[in-house]
All heavy atoms as atom14 arrays in JSON, in Angstrom:
{
  "sequence": "PEIMNLSPKGIREKLQLNKPIYEQTAAYGHFGRT",
  "atom14_mask": [
    [1, 1, 1, 1, 1, 1, 1, 0, 0, 0, 0, 0, 0, 0],
    [1, 1, 1, 1, 1, 1, 1, 1, 1, 0, 0, 0, 0, 0],
    [1, 1, 1, 1, 1, 1, 1, 1, 0, 0, 0, 0, 0, 0],
    [1, 1, 1, 1, 1, 1, 1, 1, 0, 0, 0, 0, 0, 0],
    [1, 1, 1, 1, 1, 1, 1, 1, 0, 0, 0, 0, 0, 0],
    [1, 1, 1, 1, 1, 1, 1, 1, 0, 0, 0, 0, 0, 0],
    [1, 1, 1, 1, 1, 1, 0, 0, 0, 0, 0, 0, 0, 0],
    [1, 1, 1, 1, 1, 1, 1, 0, 0, 0, 0, 0, 0, 0],
    [1, 1, 1, 1, 1, 1, 1, 1, 1, 0, 0, 0, 0, 0],
    [1, 1, 1, 1, 0, 0, 0, 0, 0, 0, 0, 0, 0, 0],
    [1, 1, 1, 1, 1, 1, 1, 1, 0, 0, 0, 0, 0, 0],
    [1, 1, 1, 1, 1, 1, 1, 1, 1, 1, 1, 0, 0, 0],
    [1, 1, 1, 1, 1, 1, 1, 1, 1, 0, 0, 0, 0, 0],
    [1, 1, 1, 1, 1, 1, 1, 1, 1, 0, 0, 0, 0, 0],
    [1, 1, 1, 1, 1, 1, 1, 1, 0, 0, 0, 0, 0, 0],
    [1, 1, 1, 1, 1, 1, 1, 1, 1, 0, 0, 0, 0, 0],
    [1, 1, 1, 1, 1, 1, 1, 1, 0, 0, 0, 0, 0, 0],
    [1, 1, 1, 1, 1, 1, 1, 1, 0, 0, 0, 0, 0, 0],
    [1, 1, 1, 1, 1, 1, 1, 1, 1, 0, 0, 0, 0, 0],
    [1, 1, 1, 1, 1, 1, 1, 0, 0, 0, 0, 0, 0, 0],
    [1, 1, 1, 1, 1, 1, 1, 1, 0, 0, 0, 0, 0, 0],
    [1, 1, 1, 1, 1, 1, 1, 1, 1, 1, 1, 1, 0, 0],
    [1, 1, 1, 1, 1, 1, 1, 1, 1, 0, 0, 0, 0, 0],
    [1, 1, 1, 1, 1, 1, 1, 1, 1, 0, 0, 0, 0, 0],
    [1, 1, 1, 1, 1, 1, 1, 0, 0, 0, 0, 0, 0, 0],
    [1, 1, 1, 1, 1, 0, 0, 0, 0, 0, 0, 0, 0, 0],
    [1, 1, 1, 1, 1, 0, 0, 0, 0, 0, 0, 0, 0, 0],
    [1, 1, 1, 1, 1, 1, 1, 1, 1, 1, 1, 1, 0, 0],
    [1, 1, 1, 1, 0, 0, 0, 0, 0, 0, 0, 0, 0, 0],
    [1, 1, 1, 1, 1, 1, 1, 1, 1, 1, 0, 0, 0, 0],
    [1, 1, 1, 1, 1, 1, 1, 1, 1, 1, 1, 0, 0, 0],
    [1, 1, 1, 1, 0, 0, 0, 0, 0, 0, 0, 0, 0, 0],
    [1, 1, 1, 1, 1, 1, 1, 1, 1, 1, 1, 0, 0, 0],
    [1, 1, 1, 1, 1, 1, 1, 0, 0, 0, 0, 0, 0, 0]
  ],
  "atom14_positions": [
    [[-16.65, 93.4, 154.79], [-15.29, 92.76, 154.7], [-14.4, 93.13, 155.82], [-13.45, 92.56, 156.15], [-14.79, 93.1, 153.35], [-15.5, 94.36, 152.91], [-16.88, 94.28, 153.53], [0.0, 0.0, 0.0], [0.0, 0.0, 0.0], [0.0, 0.0, 0.0], [0.0, 0.0, 0.0], [0.0, 0.0, 0.0], [0.0, 0.0, 0.0], [0.0, 0.0, 0.0]],
    [[-14.75, 94.32, 156.53], [-13.99, 94.76, 157.73], [-14.42, 93.9, 158.91], [-13.62, 93.64, 159.83], [-14.14, 96.19, 157.9], [-13.58, 97.06, 156.73], [-13.88, 98.52, 156.94], [-14.55, 98.86, 157.95], [-13.59, 99.32, 156.02], [0.0, 0.0, 0.0], [0.0, 0.0, 0.0], [0.0, 0.0, 0.0], [0.0, 0.0, 0.0], [0.0, 0.0, 0.0]],
    [[-15.69, 93.52, 158.92], [-16.24, 92.79, 160.13], [-15.94, 91.29, 159.96], [-15.74, 90.63, 160.9], [-17.8, 93.11, 160.14], [-18.04, 94.51, 160.58], [-18.45, 92.09, 161.1], [-19.46, 94.92, 160.6], [0.0, 0.0, 0.0], [0.0, 0.0, 0.0], [0.0, 0.0, 0.0], [0.0, 0.0, 0.0], [0.0, 0.0, 0.0], [0.0, 0.0, 0.0]],
    [[-15.92, 90.77, 158.74], [-15.74, 89.35, 158.55], [-14.85, 89.09, 157.25], [-15.16, 89.68, 156.31], [-17.0, 88.61, 158.37], [-16.97, 87.09, 158.26], [-18.49, 86.25, 158.13], [-17.96, 84.48, 157.93], [0.0, 0.0, 0.0], [0.0, 0.0, 0.0], [0.0, 0.0, 0.0], [0.0, 0.0, 0.0], [0.0, 0.0, 0.0], [0.0, 0.0, 0.0]],
    [[-13.85, 88.23, 157.49], [-13.01, 87.86, 156.36], [-13.81, 86.78, 155.51], [-14.17, 85.66, 156.0], [-11.75, 87.18, 156.9], [-10.83, 86.61, 155.79], [-11.19, 86.67, 154.65], [-9.72, 86.08, 156.17], [0.0, 0.0, 0.0], [0.0, 0.0, 0.0], [0.0, 0.0, 0.0], [0.0, 0.0, 0.0], [0.0, 0.0, 0.0], [0.0, 0.0, 0.0]],
    [[-14.19, 87.19, 154.23], [-15.0, 86.4, 153.43], [-14.29, 85.45, 152.46], [-14.87, 85.0, 151.52], [-16.09, 87.22, 152.74], [-17.18, 87.83, 153.6], [-18.09, 88.85, 152.96], [-18.05, 86.69, 154.27], [0.0, 0.0, 0.0], [0.0, 0.0, 0.0], [0.0, 0.0, 0.0], [0.0, 0.0, 0.0], [0.0, 0.0, 0.0], [0.0, 0.0, 0.0]],
    [[-12.97, 85.27, 152.67], [-12.23, 84.27, 151.84], [-12.8, 82.92, 152.38], [-13.25, 82.79, 153.49], [-10.74, 84.41, 152.07], [-10.44, 83.94, 153.38], [0.0, 0.0, 0.0], [0.0, 0.0, 0.0], [0.0, 0.0, 0.0], [0.0, 0.0, 0.0], [0.0, 0.0, 0.0], [0.0, 0.0, 0.0], [0.0, 0.0, 0.0], [0.0, 0.0, 0.0]],
    [[-12.53, 81.9, 151.51], [-13.11, 80.54, 151.89], [-12.48, 80.05, 153.29], [-13.12, 79.57, 154.11], [-12.62, 79.64, 150.79], [-12.66, 80.61, 149.6], [-12.14, 81.87, 150.15], [0.0, 0.0, 0.0], [0.0, 0.0, 0.0], [0.0, 0.0, 0.0], [0.0, 0.0, 0.0], [0.0, 0.0, 0.0], [0.0, 0.0, 0.0], [0.0, 0.0, 0.0]],
    [[-11.23, 80.34, 153.44], [-10.51, 80.06, 154.71], [-11.08, 80.93, 155.85], [-11.26, 80.37, 156.96], [-8.97, 80.31, 154.56], [-8.19, 79.87, 155.83], [-6.7, 80.08, 155.69], [-5.88, 79.86, 156.89], [-4.45, 80.05, 156.68], [0.0, 0.0, 0.0], [0.0, 0.0, 0.0], [0.0, 0.0, 0.0], [0.0, 0.0, 0.0], [0.0, 0.0, 0.0]],
    [[-11.24, 82.22, 155.63], [-11.77, 83.04, 156.59], [-13.2, 82.63, 157.09], [-13.52, 82.67, 158.36], [0.0, 0.0, 0.0], [0.0, 0.0, 0.0], [0.0, 0.0, 0.0], [0.0, 0.0, 0.0], [0.0, 0.0, 0.0], [0.0, 0.0, 0.0], [0.0, 0.0, 0.0], [0.0, 0.0, 0.0], [0.0, 0.0, 0.0], [0.0, 0.0, 0.0]],
    [[-14.02, 82.25, 156.11], [-15.33, 81.75, 156.46], [-15.24, 80.48, 157.33], [-15.97, 80.24, 158.33], [-16.23, 81.45, 155.22], [-16.48, 82.87, 154.49], [-17.58, 80.74, 155.58], [-17.06, 82.63, 153.13], [0.0, 0.0, 0.0], [0.0, 0.0, 0.0], [0.0, 0.0, 0.0], [0.0, 0.0, 0.0], [0.0, 0.0, 0.0], [0.0, 0.0, 0.0]],
    [[-14.48, 79.47, 156.83], [-14.29, 78.24, 157.59], [-13.85, 78.39, 159.02], [-14.29, 77.78, 159.91], [-13.35, 77.29, 156.81], [-13.9, 76.67, 155.52], [-12.93, 75.52, 155.03], [-11.67, 76.02, 154.64], [-10.57, 75.91, 155.42], [-10.6, 75.34, 156.62], [-9.43, 76.27, 155.01], [0.0, 0.0, 0.0], [0.0, 0.0, 0.0], [0.0, 0.0, 0.0]],
    [[-12.87, 79.39, 159.17], [-12.34, 79.51, 160.54], [-13.28, 80.31, 161.38], [-13.55, 79.93, 162.58], [-11.07, 80.29, 160.45], [-9.95, 79.44, 159.83], [-8.54, 80.08, 159.79], [-8.56, 81.4, 159.83], [-7.55, 79.47, 159.48], [0.0, 0.0, 0.0], [0.0, 0.0, 0.0], [0.0, 0.0, 0.0], [0.0, 0.0, 0.0], [0.0, 0.0, 0.0]],
    [[-13.97, 81.29, 160.91], [-14.97, 82.06, 161.7], [-16.11, 81.21, 162.12], [-16.61, 81.21, 163.23], [-15.39, 83.37, 160.9], [-16.52, 84.09, 161.6], [-15.98, 84.7, 162.99], [-17.07, 85.54, 163.57], [-16.69, 86.06, 164.87], [0.0, 0.0, 0.0], [0.0, 0.0, 0.0], [0.0, 0.0, 0.0], [0.0, 0.0, 0.0], [0.0, 0.0, 0.0]],
    [[-16.62, 80.42, 161.14], [-17.87, 79.66, 161.46], [-17.43, 78.18, 161.91], [-18.43, 77.38, 162.22], [-18.76, 79.62, 160.19], [-19.3, 80.95, 159.75], [-20.24, 80.76, 158.51], [-20.09, 81.63, 160.88], [0.0, 0.0, 0.0], [0.0, 0.0, 0.0], [0.0, 0.0, 0.0], [0.0, 0.0, 0.0], [0.0, 0.0, 0.0], [0.0, 0.0, 0.0]],
    [[-16.21, 77.93, 162.0], [-15.79, 76.55, 162.48], [-16.4, 75.42, 161.63], [-16.97, 74.51, 162.19], [-16.01, 76.45, 163.9], [-15.28, 77.42, 164.82], [-15.44, 77.29, 166.24], [-16.56, 77.0, 166.71], [-14.38, 77.36, 167.02], [0.0, 0.0, 0.0], [0.0, 0.0, 0.0], [0.0, 0.0, 0.0], [0.0, 0.0, 0.0], [0.0, 0.0, 0.0]],
    [[-16.2, 75.5, 160.36], [-16.89, 74.53, 159.53], [-16.17, 73.3, 159.21], [-16.74, 72.39, 158.59], [-17.23, 75.27, 158.16], [-18.12, 76.47, 158.18], [-18.32, 77.08, 156.82], [-19.48, 76.13, 158.76], [0.0, 0.0, 0.0], [0.0, 0.0, 0.0], [0.0, 0.0, 0.0], [0.0, 0.0, 0.0], [0.0, 0.0, 0.0], [0.0, 0.0, 0.0]],
    [[-14.91, 73.14, 159.75], [-14.18, 71.97, 159.52], [-14.48, 70.89, 160.64], [-13.56, 70.29, 161.26], [-12.75, 72.24, 159.47], [-12.2, 72.99, 158.18], [-11.94, 74.2, 158.19], [-12.29, 72.25, 157.03], [0.0, 0.0, 0.0], [0.0, 0.0, 0.0], [0.0, 0.0, 0.0], [0.0, 0.0, 0.0], [0.0, 0.0, 0.0], [0.0, 0.0, 0.0]],
    [[-15.71, 70.67, 160.86], [-16.24, 69.66, 161.88], [-17.32, 68.79, 161.17], [-17.94, 69.28, 160.28], [-16.9, 70.55, 163.08], [-15.86, 71.22, 163.79], [-16.48, 71.97, 164.94], [-15.54, 72.74, 165.82], [-16.21, 73.41, 167.05], [0.0, 0.0, 0.0], [0.0, 0.0, 0.0], [0.0, 0.0, 0.0], [0.0, 0.0, 0.0], [0.0, 0.0, 0.0]],
    [[-17.53, 67.67, 161.74], [-18.53, 66.8, 161.18], [-20.01, 67.23, 161.69], [-20.56, 66.54, 162.53], [-18.17, 65.4, 161.68], [-17.46, 65.67, 163.09], [-16.72, 66.99, 162.77], [0.0, 0.0, 0.0], [0.0, 0.0, 0.0], [0.0, 0.0, 0.0], [0.0, 0.0, 0.0], [0.0, 0.0, 0.0], [0.0, 0.0, 0.0], [0.0, 0.0, 0.0]],
    [[-20.47, 68.21, 161.06], [-21.66, 68.84, 161.65], [-22.81, 68.89, 160.57], [-23.91, 69.47, 160.69], [-21.47, 70.36, 162.03], [-20.85, 71.18, 160.83], [-20.55, 70.45, 163.26], [-20.74, 72.62, 161.12], [0.0, 0.0, 0.0], [0.0, 0.0, 0.0], [0.0, 0.0, 0.0], [0.0, 0.0, 0.0], [0.0, 0.0, 0.0], [0.0, 0.0, 0.0]],
    [[-22.58, 68.11, 159.42], [-23.46, 68.41, 158.24], [-24.68, 67.5, 158.16], [-25.67, 67.87, 157.52], [-22.54, 68.34, 157.03], [-21.55, 69.52, 157.03], [-20.18, 69.23, 157.26], [-21.89, 70.82, 156.82], [-19.35, 70.31, 157.38], [-21.08, 71.88, 156.92], [-19.76, 71.55, 157.17], [-18.79, 72.6, 157.27], [0.0, 0.0, 0.0], [0.0, 0.0, 0.0]],
    [[-24.63, 66.2, 158.64], [-25.77, 65.33, 158.52], [-26.99, 65.92, 159.06], [-28.04, 65.82, 158.48], [-25.41, 63.98, 159.16], [-26.53, 63.02, 159.06], [-26.33, 61.65, 159.74], [-25.3, 61.46, 160.35], [-27.26, 60.9, 159.74], [0.0, 0.0, 0.0], [0.0, 0.0, 0.0], [0.0, 0.0, 0.0], [0.0, 0.0, 0.0], [0.0, 0.0, 0.0]],
    [[-26.81, 66.62, 160.21], [-28.1, 67.14, 160.83], [-28.65, 68.41, 160.13], [-29.8, 68.86, 160.44], [-27.73, 67.62, 162.24], [-26.66, 68.65, 162.43], [-26.11, 68.65, 163.84], [-26.79, 69.0, 164.81], [-24.91, 68.36, 164.04], [0.0, 0.0, 0.0], [0.0, 0.0, 0.0], [0.0, 0.0, 0.0], [0.0, 0.0, 0.0], [0.0, 0.0, 0.0]],
    [[-27.93, 68.87, 159.19], [-28.4, 70.07, 158.35], [-29.31, 69.59, 157.1], [-29.99, 70.48, 156.59], [-27.3, 70.89, 157.75], [-26.64, 70.15, 156.64], [-26.24, 71.33, 158.74], [0.0, 0.0, 0.0], [0.0, 0.0, 0.0], [0.0, 0.0, 0.0], [0.0, 0.0, 0.0], [0.0, 0.0, 0.0], [0.0, 0.0, 0.0], [0.0, 0.0, 0.0]],
    [[-29.33, 68.31, 156.89], [-29.87, 67.89, 155.59], [-31.39, 67.84, 155.57], [-31.95, 67.72, 154.43], [-29.41, 66.4, 155.31], [0.0, 0.0, 0.0], [0.0, 0.0, 0.0], [0.0, 0.0, 0.0], [0.0, 0.0, 0.0], [0.0, 0.0, 0.0], [0.0, 0.0, 0.0], [0.0, 0.0, 0.0], [0.0, 0.0, 0.0], [0.0, 0.0, 0.0]],
    [[-32.14, 67.99, 156.67], [-33.51, 68.1, 156.62], [-34.09, 69.3, 157.44], [-33.38, 69.69, 158.4], [-34.16, 66.86, 157.08], [0.0, 0.0, 0.0], [0.0, 0.0, 0.0], [0.0, 0.0, 0.0], [0.0, 0.0, 0.0], [0.0, 0.0, 0.0], [0.0, 0.0, 0.0], [0.0, 0.0, 0.0], [0.0, 0.0, 0.0], [0.0, 0.0, 0.0]],
    [[-35.22, 69.85, 157.07], [-35.88, 70.91, 157.84], [-35.08, 72.24, 157.8], [-35.19, 73.09, 158.63], [-36.17, 70.49, 159.24], [-36.79, 69.05, 159.33], [-36.08, 68.02, 159.95], [-37.95, 68.87, 158.72], [-36.64, 66.83, 160.0], [-38.54, 67.58, 158.76], [-37.81, 66.54, 159.33], [-38.37, 65.3, 159.46], [0.0, 0.0, 0.0], [0.0, 0.0, 0.0]],
    [[-34.33, 72.41, 156.75], [-33.72, 73.7, 156.47], [-32.37, 73.79, 157.05], [-32.01, 73.41, 158.13], [0.0, 0.0, 0.0], [0.0, 0.0, 0.0], [0.0, 0.0, 0.0], [0.0, 0.0, 0.0], [0.0, 0.0, 0.0], [0.0, 0.0, 0.0], [0.0, 0.0, 0.0], [0.0, 0.0, 0.0], [0.0, 0.0, 0.0], [0.0, 0.0, 0.0]],
    [[-31.44, 74.48, 156.34], [-30.15, 74.87, 156.82], [-30.16, 76.1, 157.61], [-29.1, 76.36, 158.35], [-29.14, 74.92, 155.63], [-28.87, 73.61, 154.91], [-27.63, 73.05, 154.87], [-29.71, 72.92, 154.16], [-27.67, 72.0, 154.25], [-28.9, 71.9, 153.7], [0.0, 0.0, 0.0], [0.0, 0.0, 0.0], [0.0, 0.0, 0.0], [0.0, 0.0, 0.0]],
    [[-31.19, 76.85, 157.57], [-31.29, 78.14, 158.21], [-32.45, 78.2, 159.19], [-33.4, 77.52, 159.06], [-31.39, 79.28, 157.22], [-30.24, 79.23, 156.21], [-30.54, 79.2, 154.81], [-28.93, 79.1, 156.5], [-29.56, 79.14, 153.78], [-27.89, 78.95, 155.62], [-28.24, 79.02, 154.25], [0.0, 0.0, 0.0], [0.0, 0.0, 0.0], [0.0, 0.0, 0.0]],
    [[-32.32, 79.1, 160.18], [-33.42, 79.22, 161.2], [-33.37, 78.08, 162.27], [-34.31, 77.9, 163.0], [0.0, 0.0, 0.0], [0.0, 0.0, 0.0], [0.0, 0.0, 0.0], [0.0, 0.0, 0.0], [0.0, 0.0, 0.0], [0.0, 0.0, 0.0], [0.0, 0.0, 0.0], [0.0, 0.0, 0.0], [0.0, 0.0, 0.0], [0.0, 0.0, 0.0]],
    [[-32.18, 77.51, 162.3], [-31.99, 76.4, 163.25], [-31.32, 76.95, 164.44], [-30.84, 78.1, 164.53], [-31.2, 75.21, 162.61], [-31.74, 74.68, 161.31], [-32.88, 73.91, 161.42], [-32.65, 72.61, 162.09], [-32.12, 71.54, 161.37], [-31.98, 71.63, 160.12], [-31.97, 70.46, 162.0], [0.0, 0.0, 0.0], [0.0, 0.0, 0.0], [0.0, 0.0, 0.0]],
    [[-31.12, 76.1, 165.52], [-30.53, 76.56, 166.78], [-29.0, 76.25, 166.78], [-28.58, 75.12, 166.58], [-31.13, 75.89, 168.0], [-32.58, 76.12, 167.99], [-30.53, 76.3, 169.28], [0.0, 0.0, 0.0], [0.0, 0.0, 0.0], [0.0, 0.0, 0.0], [0.0, 0.0, 0.0], [0.0, 0.0, 0.0], [0.0, 0.0, 0.0], [0.0, 0.0, 0.0]]
  ]
}
């Protein structure tokens, strides 16, 4: 928790999740991608 803010807002801001990036995650796994 000192390295990363794990509140929902903290996660969204750190990982920049408020972007239209989700369609490409839907197949072949959400993890291990580039």
